[in-house]
Amino acid sequence: MRIKQALVAGLISMVPALTGCMSHTRIVPRTHLAELVISSTLDQLIQQVNTQFNALQTMKATVEISATTGSSLQGHVTDSPSFSGYIFMRKP
């Protein structure tokens, strides 16, 4: 009798995965890659990064993380369940 109950509980728990409740696929318009590319020297990039790094002392962020497969280049995107989190950073 317990084996039947375990089997029924297992089958019922699999129903959301089989019905597509765990992921959602949507159609998105296709995009094209940029034709204009701006270039800069290594010294300019290092100077920009150092300027931004020196201006930052602490950072607190609330994030929502979700896994997505596909892209606008492929024409479809599949979303998975998401969850929230926090990021706390301080410069040593």
PDB file of N, CA and C in Angstrom:
ATOM      1  N   MET A   1       0.815  -1.196   0.000  1.00  0.00           N
ATOM      2  CA  MET A   1       0.000   0.000   0.000  1.00  0.00           C
ATOM      3  C   MET A   1       0.863   1.267   0.000  1.00  0.00           C
ATOM      4  N   ARG A   2       1.978   1.248   0.739  1.00  0.00           N
ATOM      5  CA  ARG A   2       2.855   2.411   0.788  1.00  0.00           C
ATOM      6  C   ARG A   2       3.545   2.633  -0.554  1.00  0.00           C
ATOM      7  N   ILE A   3       3.839   1.568  -1.255  1.00  0.00           N
ATOM      8  CA  ILE A   3       4.475   1.708  -2.561  1.00  0.00           C
ATOM      9  C   ILE A   3       3.538   2.407  -3.528  1.00  0.00           C
ATOM     10  N   LYS A   4       2.256   2.089  -3.494  1.00  0.00           N
ATOM     11  CA  LYS A   4       1.281   2.756  -4.364  1.00  0.00           C
ATOM     12  C   LYS A   4       1.191   4.241  -4.026  1.00  0.00           C
ATOM     13  N   GLN A   5       1.184   4.564  -2.727  1.00  0.00           N
ATOM     14  CA  GLN A   5       1.104   5.967  -2.315  1.00  0.00           C
ATOM     15  C   GLN A   5       2.351   6.733  -2.765  1.00  0.00           C
ATOM     16  N   ALA A   6       3.519   6.098  -2.631  1.00  0.00           N
ATOM     17  CA  ALA A   6       4.753   6.746  -3.062  1.00  0.00           C
ATOM     18  C   ALA A   6       4.762   6.945  -4.575  1.00  0.00           C
ATOM     19  N   LEU A   7       4.265   5.953  -5.305  1.00  0.00           N
ATOM     20  CA  LEU A   7       4.201   6.063  -6.761  1.00  0.00           C
ATOM     21  C   LEU A   7       3.248   7.164  -7.189  1.00  0.00           C
ATOM     22  N   VAL A   8       2.087   7.235  -6.555  1.00  0.00           N
ATOM     23  CA  VAL A   8       1.112   8.284  -6.880  1.00  0.00           C
ATOM     24  C   VAL A   8       1.678   9.662  -6.542  1.00  0.00           C
ATOM     25  N   ALA A   9       2.329   9.784  -5.376  1.00  0.00           N
ATOM     26  CA  ALA A   9       2.921  11.075  -4.996  1.00  0.00           C
ATOM     27  C   ALA A   9       4.012  11.476  -5.981  1.00  0.00           C
ATOM     28  N   GLY A  10       4.819  10.531  -6.426  1.00  0.00           N
ATOM     29  CA  GLY A  10       5.855  10.822  -7.414  1.00  0.00           C
ATOM     30  C   GLY A  10       5.278  11.269  -8.744  1.00  0.00           C
ATOM     31  N   LEU A  11       4.222  10.609  -9.186  1.00  0.00           N
ATOM     32  CA  LEU A  11       3.591  10.992 -10.452  1.00  0.00           C
ATOM     33  C   LEU A  11       2.943  12.364 -10.362  1.00  0.00           C
ATOM     34  N   ILE A  12       2.309  12.655  -9.235  1.00  0.00           N
ATOM     35  CA  ILE A  12       1.673  13.965  -9.063  1.00  0.00           C
ATOM     36  C   ILE A  12       2.722  15.067  -9.024  1.00  0.00           C
ATOM     37  N   SER A  13       3.882  14.784  -8.404  1.00  0.00           N
ATOM     38  CA  SER A  13       4.919  15.810  -8.347  1.00  0.00           C
ATOM     39  C   SER A  13       5.564  16.055  -9.706  1.00  0.00           C
ATOM     40  N   MET A  14       5.453  15.129 -10.644  1.00  0.00           N
ATOM     41  CA  MET A  14       6.023  15.291 -11.978  1.00  0.00           C
ATOM     42  C   MET A  14       5.111  16.065 -12.922  1.00  0.00           C
ATOM     43  N   VAL A  15       3.844  16.235 -12.562  1.00  0.00           N
ATOM     44  CA  VAL A  15       2.873  16.874 -13.455  1.00  0.00           C
ATOM     45  C   VAL A  15       3.284  18.300 -13.837  1.00  0.00           C
ATOM     46  N   PRO A  16       3.732  19.182 -12.889  1.00  0.00           N
ATOM     47  CA  PRO A  16       4.111  20.541 -13.312  1.00  0.00           C
ATOM     48  C   PRO A  16       5.243  20.558 -14.333  1.00  0.00           C
ATOM     49  N   ALA A  17       6.201  19.656 -14.199  1.00  0.00           N
ATOM     50  CA  ALA A  17       7.308  19.621 -15.152  1.00  0.00           C
ATOM     51  C   ALA A  17       6.830  19.186 -16.533  1.00  0.00           C
ATOM     52  N   LEU A  18       5.861  18.309 -16.586  1.00  0.00           N
ATOM     53  CA  LEU A  18       5.365  17.813 -17.867  1.00  0.00           C
ATOM     54  C   LEU A  18       4.438  18.795 -18.558  1.00  0.00           C
ATOM     55  N   THR A  19       3.788  19.675 -17.793  1.00  0.00           N
ATOM     56  CA  THR A  19       2.851  20.620 -18.384  1.00  0.00           C
ATOM     57  C   THR A  19       3.505  21.921 -18.815  1.00  0.00           C
ATOM     58  N   GLY A  20       4.796  22.098 -18.534  1.00  0.00           N
ATOM     59  CA  GLY A  20       5.486  23.312 -18.945  1.00  0.00           C
ATOM     60  C   GLY A  20       5.446  24.418 -17.927  1.00  0.00           C
ATOM     61  N   CYS A  21       5.059  24.144 -16.691  1.00  0.00           N
ATOM     62  CA  CYS A  21       5.015  25.170 -15.655  1.00  0.00           C
ATOM     63  C   CYS A  21       6.413  25.568 -15.199  1.00  0.00           C
ATOM     64  N   MET A  22       7.390  24.732 -15.414  1.00  0.00           N
ATOM     65  CA  MET A  22       8.737  25.029 -14.942  1.00  0.00           C
ATOM     66  C   MET A  22       9.500  25.952 -15.887  1.00  0.00           C
ATOM     67  N   SER A  23       9.105  26.061 -17.126  1.00  0.00           N
ATOM     68  CA  SER A  23       9.772  26.957 -18.061  1.00  0.00           C
ATOM     69  C   SER A  23       8.738  27.532 -19.020  1.00  0.00           C
ATOM     70  N   HIS A  24       9.112  28.653 -19.616  1.00  0.00           N
ATOM     71  CA  HIS A  24       8.208  29.339 -20.541  1.00  0.00           C
ATOM     72  C   HIS A  24       9.005  29.768 -21.768  1.00  0.00           C
ATOM     73  N   THR A  25       8.539  29.434 -22.944  1.00  0.00           N
ATOM     74  CA  THR A  25       9.199  29.825 -24.184  1.00  0.00           C
ATOM     75  C   THR A  25       8.373  30.904 -24.865  1.00  0.00           C
ATOM     76  N   ARG A  26       9.047  31.958 -25.291  1.00  0.00           N
ATOM     77  CA  ARG A  26       8.345  33.048 -25.987  1.00  0.00           C
ATOM     78  C   ARG A  26       9.117  33.411 -27.250  1.00  0.00           C
ATOM     79  N   ILE A  27       8.431  33.944 -28.199  1.00  0.00           N
ATOM     80  CA  ILE A  27       9.021  34.353 -29.478  1.00  0.00           C
ATOM     81  C   ILE A  27       9.450  35.817 -29.348  1.00  0.00           C
ATOM     82  N   VAL A  28      10.683  36.106 -29.742  1.00  0.00           N
ATOM     83  CA  VAL A  28      11.200  37.475 -29.715  1.00  0.00           C
ATOM     84  C   VAL A  28      11.674  37.843 -31.112  1.00  0.00           C
ATOM     85  N   PRO A  29      11.619  39.123 -31.464  1.00  0.00           N
ATOM     86  CA  PRO A  29      12.088  39.521 -32.793  1.00  0.00           C
ATOM     87  C   PRO A  29      13.593  39.322 -32.923  1.00  0.00           C
ATOM     88  N   ARG A  30      14.027  38.926 -34.100  1.00  0.00           N
ATOM     89  CA  ARG A  30      15.454  38.727 -34.356  1.00  0.00           C
ATOM     90  C   ARG A  30      16.164  40.077 -34.424  1.00  0.00           C
ATOM     91  N   THR A  31      17.393  40.107 -33.923  1.00  0.00           N
ATOM     92  CA  THR A  31      18.191  41.331 -33.956  1.00  0.00           C
ATOM     93  C   THR A  31      19.403  41.125 -34.850  1.00  0.00           C
ATOM     94  N   HIS A  32      20.019  42.230 -35.216  1.00  0.00           N
ATOM     95  CA  HIS A  32      21.213  42.195 -36.056  1.00  0.00           C
ATOM     96  C   HIS A  32      22.381  42.749 -35.254  1.00  0.00           C
ATOM     97  N   LEU A  33      23.552  42.245 -35.514  1.00  0.00           N
ATOM     98  CA  LEU A  33      24.745  42.726 -34.831  1.00  0.00           C
ATOM     99  C   LEU A  33      25.091  44.139 -35.299  1.00  0.00           C
ATOM    100  N   ALA A  34      25.735  44.902 -34.431  1.00  0.00           N
ATOM    101  CA  ALA A  34      26.106  46.278 -34.742  1.00  0.00           C
ATOM    102  C   ALA A  34      27.138  46.310 -35.864  1.00  0.00           C
ATOM    103  N   GLU A  35      26.967  47.259 -36.777  1.00  0.00           N
ATOM    104  CA  GLU A  35      27.909  47.398 -37.885  1.00  0.00           C
ATOM    105  C   GLU A  35      29.026  48.382 -37.548  1.00  0.00           C
ATOM    106  N   LEU A  36      28.751  49.324 -36.631  1.00  0.00           N
ATOM    107  CA  LEU A  36      29.729  50.329 -36.249  1.00  0.00           C
ATOM    108  C   LEU A  36      30.402  49.901 -34.949  1.00  0.00           C
ATOM    109  N   VAL A  37      31.704  49.763 -34.969  1.00  0.00           N
ATOM    110  CA  VAL A  37      32.463  49.374 -33.789  1.00  0.00           C
ATOM    111  C   VAL A  37      33.422  50.507 -33.457  1.00  0.00           C
ATOM    112  N   ILE A  38      33.389  50.965 -32.201  1.00  0.00           N
ATOM    113  CA  ILE A  38      34.261  52.044 -31.771  1.00  0.00           C
ATOM    114  C   ILE A  38      35.499  51.419 -31.131  1.00  0.00           C
ATOM    115  N   SER A  39      36.666  51.915 -31.508  1.00  0.00           N
ATOM    116  CA  SER A  39      37.902  51.362 -30.954  1.00  0.00           C
ATOM    117  C   SER A  39      38.596  52.404 -30.090  1.00  0.00           C
ATOM    118  N   SER A  40      39.384  51.913 -29.142  1.00  0.00           N
ATOM    119  CA  SER A  40      40.194  52.790 -28.303  1.00  0.00           C
ATOM    120  C   SER A  40      41.473  52.059 -27.939  1.00  0.00           C
ATOM    121  N   THR A  41      42.446  52.811 -27.466  1.00  0.00           N
ATOM    122  CA  THR A  41      43.734  52.206 -27.123  1.00  0.00           C
ATOM    123  C   THR A  41      43.664  51.569 -25.740  1.00  0.00           C
ATOM    124  N   LEU A  42      44.649  50.746 -25.446  1.00  0.00           N
ATOM    125  CA  LEU A  42      44.713  50.084 -24.149  1.00  0.00           C
ATOM    126  C   LEU A  42      44.859  51.094 -23.026  1.00  0.00           C
ATOM    127  N   ASP A  43      45.645  52.140 -23.235  1.00  0.00           N
ATOM    128  CA  ASP A  43      45.832  53.168 -22.207  1.00  0.00           C
ATOM    129  C   ASP A  43      44.522  53.881 -21.882  1.00  0.00           C
ATOM    130  N   GLN A  44      43.708  54.159 -22.914  1.00  0.00           N
ATOM    131  CA  GLN A  44      42.418  54.811 -22.684  1.00  0.00           C
ATOM    132  C   GLN A  44      41.488  53.902 -21.878  1.00  0.00           C
ATOM    133  N   LEU A  45      41.469  52.612 -22.196  1.00  0.00           N
ATOM    134  CA  LEU A  45      40.629  51.676 -21.459  1.00  0.00           C
ATOM    135  C   LEU A  45      41.068  51.552 -20.004  1.00  0.00           C
ATOM    136  N   ILE A  46      42.375  51.471 -19.773  1.00  0.00           N
ATOM    137  CA  ILE A  46      42.892  51.370 -18.408  1.00  0.00           C
ATOM    138  C   ILE A  46      42.557  52.617 -17.609  1.00  0.00           C
ATOM    139  N   GLN A  47      42.677  53.786 -18.225  1.00  0.00           N
ATOM    140  CA  GLN A  47      42.356  55.040 -17.543  1.00  0.00           C
ATOM    141  C   GLN A  47      40.867  55.093 -17.178  1.00  0.00           C
ATOM    142  N   GLN A  48      39.982  54.674 -18.068  1.00  0.00           N
ATOM    143  CA  GLN A  48      38.540  54.669 -17.772  1.00  0.00           C
ATOM    144  C   GLN A  48      38.203  53.712 -16.639  1.00  0.00           C
ATOM    145  N   VAL A  49      38.788  52.510 -16.664  1.00  0.00           N
ATOM    146  CA  VAL A  49      38.525  51.528 -15.608  1.00  0.00           C
ATOM    147  C   VAL A  49      39.042  52.030 -14.269  1.00  0.00           C
ATOM    148  N   ASN A  50      40.234  52.605 -14.234  1.00  0.00           N
ATOM    149  CA  ASN A  50      40.794  53.115 -12.982  1.00  0.00           C
ATOM    150  C   ASN A  50      39.974  54.278 -12.434  1.00  0.00           C
ATOM    151  N   THR A  51      39.488  55.143 -13.280  1.00  0.00           N
ATOM    152  CA  THR A  51      38.657  56.270 -12.843  1.00  0.00           C
ATOM    153  C   THR A  51      37.365  55.765 -12.208  1.00  0.00           C
ATOM    154  N   GLN A  52      36.727  54.825 -12.837  1.00  0.00           N
ATOM    155  CA  GLN A  52      35.488  54.274 -12.292  1.00  0.00           C
ATOM    156  C   GLN A  52      35.752  53.486 -11.010  1.00  0.00           C
ATOM    157  N   PHE A  53      36.854  52.751 -10.935  1.00  0.00           N
ATOM    158  CA  PHE A  53      37.188  51.981  -9.738  1.00  0.00           C
ATOM    159  C   PHE A  53      37.460  52.890  -8.552  1.00  0.00           C
ATOM    160  N   ASN A  54      38.179  53.986  -8.769  1.00  0.00           N
ATOM    161  CA  ASN A  54      38.497  54.904  -7.679  1.00  0.00           C
ATOM    162  C   ASN A  54      37.269  55.640  -7.164  1.00  0.00           C
ATOM    163  N   ALA A  55      36.265  55.824  -7.989  1.00  0.00           N
ATOM    164  CA  ALA A  55      35.052  56.522  -7.566  1.00  0.00           C
ATOM    165  C   ALA A  55      34.142  55.621  -6.728  1.00  0.00           C
ATOM    166  N   LEU A  56      34.355  54.329  -6.754  1.00  0.00           N
ATOM    167  CA  LEU A  56      33.477  53.381  -6.072  1.00  0.00           C
ATOM    168  C   LEU A  56      34.106  52.922  -4.764  1.00  0.00           C
ATOM    169  N   GLN A  57      33.367  53.067  -3.642  1.00  0.00           N
ATOM    170  CA  GLN A  57      33.844  52.598  -2.337  1.00  0.00           C
ATOM    171  C   GLN A  57      33.029  51.392  -1.844  1.00  0.00           C
ATOM    172  N   THR A  58      31.703  51.494  -1.910  1.00  0.00           N
ATOM    173  CA  THR A  58      30.831  50.393  -1.495  1.00  0.00           C
ATOM    174  C   THR A  58      29.744  50.193  -2.538  1.00  0.00           C
ATOM    175  N   MET A  59      29.191  48.994  -2.528  1.00  0.00           N
ATOM    176  CA  MET A  59      28.094  48.716  -3.451  1.00  0.00           C
ATOM    177  C   MET A  59      27.118  47.768  -2.760  1.00  0.00           C
ATOM    178  N   LYS A  60      25.844  48.117  -2.820  1.00  0.00           N
ATOM    179  CA  LYS A  60      24.781  47.262  -2.320  1.00  0.00           C
ATOM    180  C   LYS A  60      23.789  47.103  -3.463  1.00  0.00           C
ATOM    181  N   ALA A  61      23.451  45.878  -3.780  1.00  0.00           N
ATOM    182  CA  ALA A  61      22.554  45.652  -4.910  1.00  0.00           C
ATOM    183  C   ALA A  61      21.575  44.532  -4.591  1.00  0.00           C
ATOM    184  N   THR A  62      20.338  44.712  -5.008  1.00  0.00           N
ATOM    185  CA  THR A  62      19.345  43.648  -4.963  1.00  0.00           C
ATOM    186  C   THR A  62      19.234  43.117  -6.376  1.00  0.00           C
ATOM    187  N   VAL A  63      19.353  41.818  -6.518  1.00  0.00           N
ATOM    188  CA  VAL A  63      19.338  41.215  -7.849  1.00  0.00           C
ATOM    189  C   VAL A  63      18.267  40.153  -7.940  1.00  0.00           C
ATOM    190  N   GLU A  64      17.766  39.954  -9.125  1.00  0.00           N
ATOM    191  CA  GLU A  64      16.871  38.845  -9.412  1.00  0.00           C
ATOM    192  C   GLU A  64      17.548  38.001 -10.482  1.00  0.00           C
ATOM    193  N   ILE A  65      17.809  36.766 -10.159  1.00  0.00           N
ATOM    194  CA  ILE A  65      18.571  35.879 -11.026  1.00  0.00           C
ATOM    195  C   ILE A  65      17.618  34.921 -11.718  1.00  0.00           C
ATOM    196  N   SER A  66      17.739  34.844 -13.038  1.00  0.00           N
ATOM    197  CA  SER A  66      16.916  33.904 -13.794  1.00  0.00           C
ATOM    198  C   SER A  66      17.751  33.322 -14.918  1.00  0.00           C
ATOM    199  N   ALA A  67      17.532  32.058 -15.179  1.00  0.00           N
ATOM    200  CA  ALA A  67      18.238  31.380 -16.259  1.00  0.00           C
ATOM    201  C   ALA A  67      17.401  31.472 -17.530  1.00  0.00           C
ATOM    202  N   THR A  68      18.049  31.821 -18.618  1.00  0.00           N
ATOM    203  CA  THR A  68      17.376  31.961 -19.897  1.00  0.00           C
ATOM    204  C   THR A  68      18.215  31.276 -20.967  1.00  0.00           C
ATOM    205  N   THR A  69      17.560  30.495 -21.802  1.00  0.00           N
ATOM    206  CA  THR A  69      18.256  29.879 -22.929  1.00  0.00           C
ATOM    207  C   THR A  69      17.663  30.427 -24.210  1.00  0.00           C
ATOM    208  N   GLY A  70      18.463  30.456 -25.258  1.00  0.00           N
ATOM    209  CA  GLY A  70      18.028  31.025 -26.522  1.00  0.00           C
ATOM    210  C   GLY A  70      18.469  32.475 -26.608  1.00  0.00           C
ATOM    211  N   SER A  71      18.119  33.131 -27.680  1.00  0.00           N
ATOM    212  CA  SER A  71      18.476  34.534 -27.835  1.00  0.00           C
ATOM    213  C   SER A  71      17.606  35.150 -28.914  1.00  0.00           C
ATOM    214  N   SER A  72      17.743  36.456 -29.056  1.00  0.00           N
ATOM    215  CA  SER A  72      16.987  37.135 -30.096  1.00  0.00           C
ATOM    216  C   SER A  72      17.540  36.790 -31.473  1.00  0.00           C
ATOM    217  N   LEU A  73      18.800  36.346 -31.531  1.00  0.00           N
ATOM    218  CA  LEU A  73      19.347  35.913 -32.814  1.00  0.00           C
ATOM    219  C   LEU A  73      18.719  34.605 -33.273  1.00  0.00           C
ATOM    220  N   GLN A  74      18.324  33.747 -32.321  1.00  0.00           N
ATOM    221  CA  GLN A  74      17.675  32.488 -32.664  1.00  0.00           C
ATOM    222  C   GLN A  74      16.187  32.660 -32.878  1.00  0.00           C
ATOM    223  N   GLY A  75      15.603  33.683 -32.290  1.00  0.00           N
ATOM    224  CA  GLY A  75      14.181  33.952 -32.495  1.00  0.00           C
ATOM    225  C   GLY A  75      13.284  33.424 -31.395  1.00  0.00           C
ATOM    226  N   HIS A  76      13.804  32.737 -30.383  1.00  0.00           N
ATOM    227  CA  HIS A  76      12.998  32.288 -29.264  1.00  0.00           C
ATOM    228  C   HIS A  76      13.838  32.278 -27.989  1.00  0.00           C
ATOM    229  N   VAL A  77      13.153  32.473 -26.860  1.00  0.00           N
ATOM    230  CA  VAL A  77      13.806  32.514 -25.560  1.00  0.00           C
ATOM    231  C   VAL A  77      13.009  31.632 -24.614  1.00  0.00           C
ATOM    232  N   THR A  78      13.689  30.797 -23.805  1.00  0.00           N
ATOM    233  CA  THR A  78      13.035  29.963 -22.804  1.00  0.00           C
ATOM    234  C   THR A  78      13.490  30.426 -21.428  1.00  0.00           C
ATOM    235  N   ASP A  79      12.526  30.833 -20.582  1.00  0.00           N
ATOM    236  CA  ASP A  79      12.812  31.318 -19.240  1.00  0.00           C
ATOM    237  C   ASP A  79      12.592  30.206 -18.225  1.00  0.00           C
ATOM    238  N   SER A  80      13.425  30.173 -17.188  1.00  0.00           N
ATOM    239  CA  SER A  80      13.277  29.241 -16.074  1.00  0.00           C
ATOM    240  C   SER A  80      12.886  30.038 -14.840  1.00  0.00           C
ATOM    241  N   PRO A  81      12.455  29.371 -13.759  1.00  0.00           N
ATOM    242  CA  PRO A  81      12.074  30.111 -12.545  1.00  0.00           C
ATOM    243  C   PRO A  81      13.231  30.967 -12.027  1.00  0.00           C
ATOM    244  N   SER A  82      12.899  32.119 -11.455  1.00  0.00           N
ATOM    245  CA  SER A  82      13.918  33.049 -10.970  1.00  0.00           C
ATOM    246  C   SER A  82      13.876  33.134  -9.454  1.00  0.00           C
ATOM    247  N   PHE A  83      14.943  33.691  -8.876  1.00  0.00           N
ATOM    248  CA  PHE A  83      15.005  33.909  -7.432  1.00  0.00           C
ATOM    249  C   PHE A  83      15.756  35.200  -7.159  1.00  0.00           C
ATOM    250  N   SER A  84      15.515  35.764  -5.968  1.00  0.00           N
ATOM    251  CA  SER A  84      16.105  37.055  -5.590  1.00  0.00           C
ATOM    252  C   SER A  84      17.334  36.849  -4.725  1.00  0.00           C
ATOM    253  N   GLY A  85      18.190  37.874  -4.680  1.00  0.00           N
ATOM    254  CA  GLY A  85      19.382  37.810  -3.852  1.00  0.00           C
ATOM    255  C   GLY A  85      19.929  39.202  -3.611  1.00  0.00           C
ATOM    256  N   TYR A  86      20.982  39.280  -2.811  1.00  0.00           N
ATOM    257  CA  TYR A  86      21.629  40.542  -2.478  1.00  0.00           C
ATOM    258  C   TYR A  86      23.120  40.427  -2.740  1.00  0.00           C
ATOM    259  N   ILE A  87      23.730  41.530  -3.166  1.00  0.00           N
ATOM    260  CA  ILE A  87      25.167  41.612  -3.337  1.00  0.00           C
ATOM    261  C   ILE A  87      25.660  42.788  -2.505  1.00  0.00           C
ATOM    262  N   PHE A  88      26.590  42.516  -1.576  1.00  0.00           N
ATOM    263  CA  PHE A  88      27.206  43.558  -0.754  1.00  0.00           C
ATOM    264  C   PHE A  88      28.704  43.514  -1.007  1.00  0.00           C
ATOM    265  N   MET A  89      29.277  44.660  -1.399  1.00  0.00           N
ATOM    266  CA  MET A  89      30.705  44.731  -1.662  1.00  0.00           C
ATOM    267  C   MET A  89      31.281  45.987  -1.016  1.00  0.00           C
ATOM    268  N   ARG A  90      32.517  45.884  -0.542  1.00  0.00           N
ATOM    269  CA  ARG A  90      33.218  47.035  -0.002  1.00  0.00           C
ATOM    270  C   ARG A  90      34.676  46.950  -0.418  1.00  0.00           C
ATOM    271  N   LYS A  91      35.230  48.069  -0.850  1.00  0.00           N
ATOM    272  CA  LYS A  91      36.617  48.088  -1.284  1.00  0.00           C
ATOM    273  C   LYS A  91      37.518  47.888  -0.056  1.00  0.00           C
ATOM    274  N   PRO A  92      38.498  46.992  -0.136  1.00  0.00           N
ATOM    275  CA  PRO A  92      39.382  46.755   1.005  1.00  0.00           C
ATOM    276  C   PRO A  92      40.262  47.955   1.323  1.00  0.00           C
TER     277      PRO A  92
END
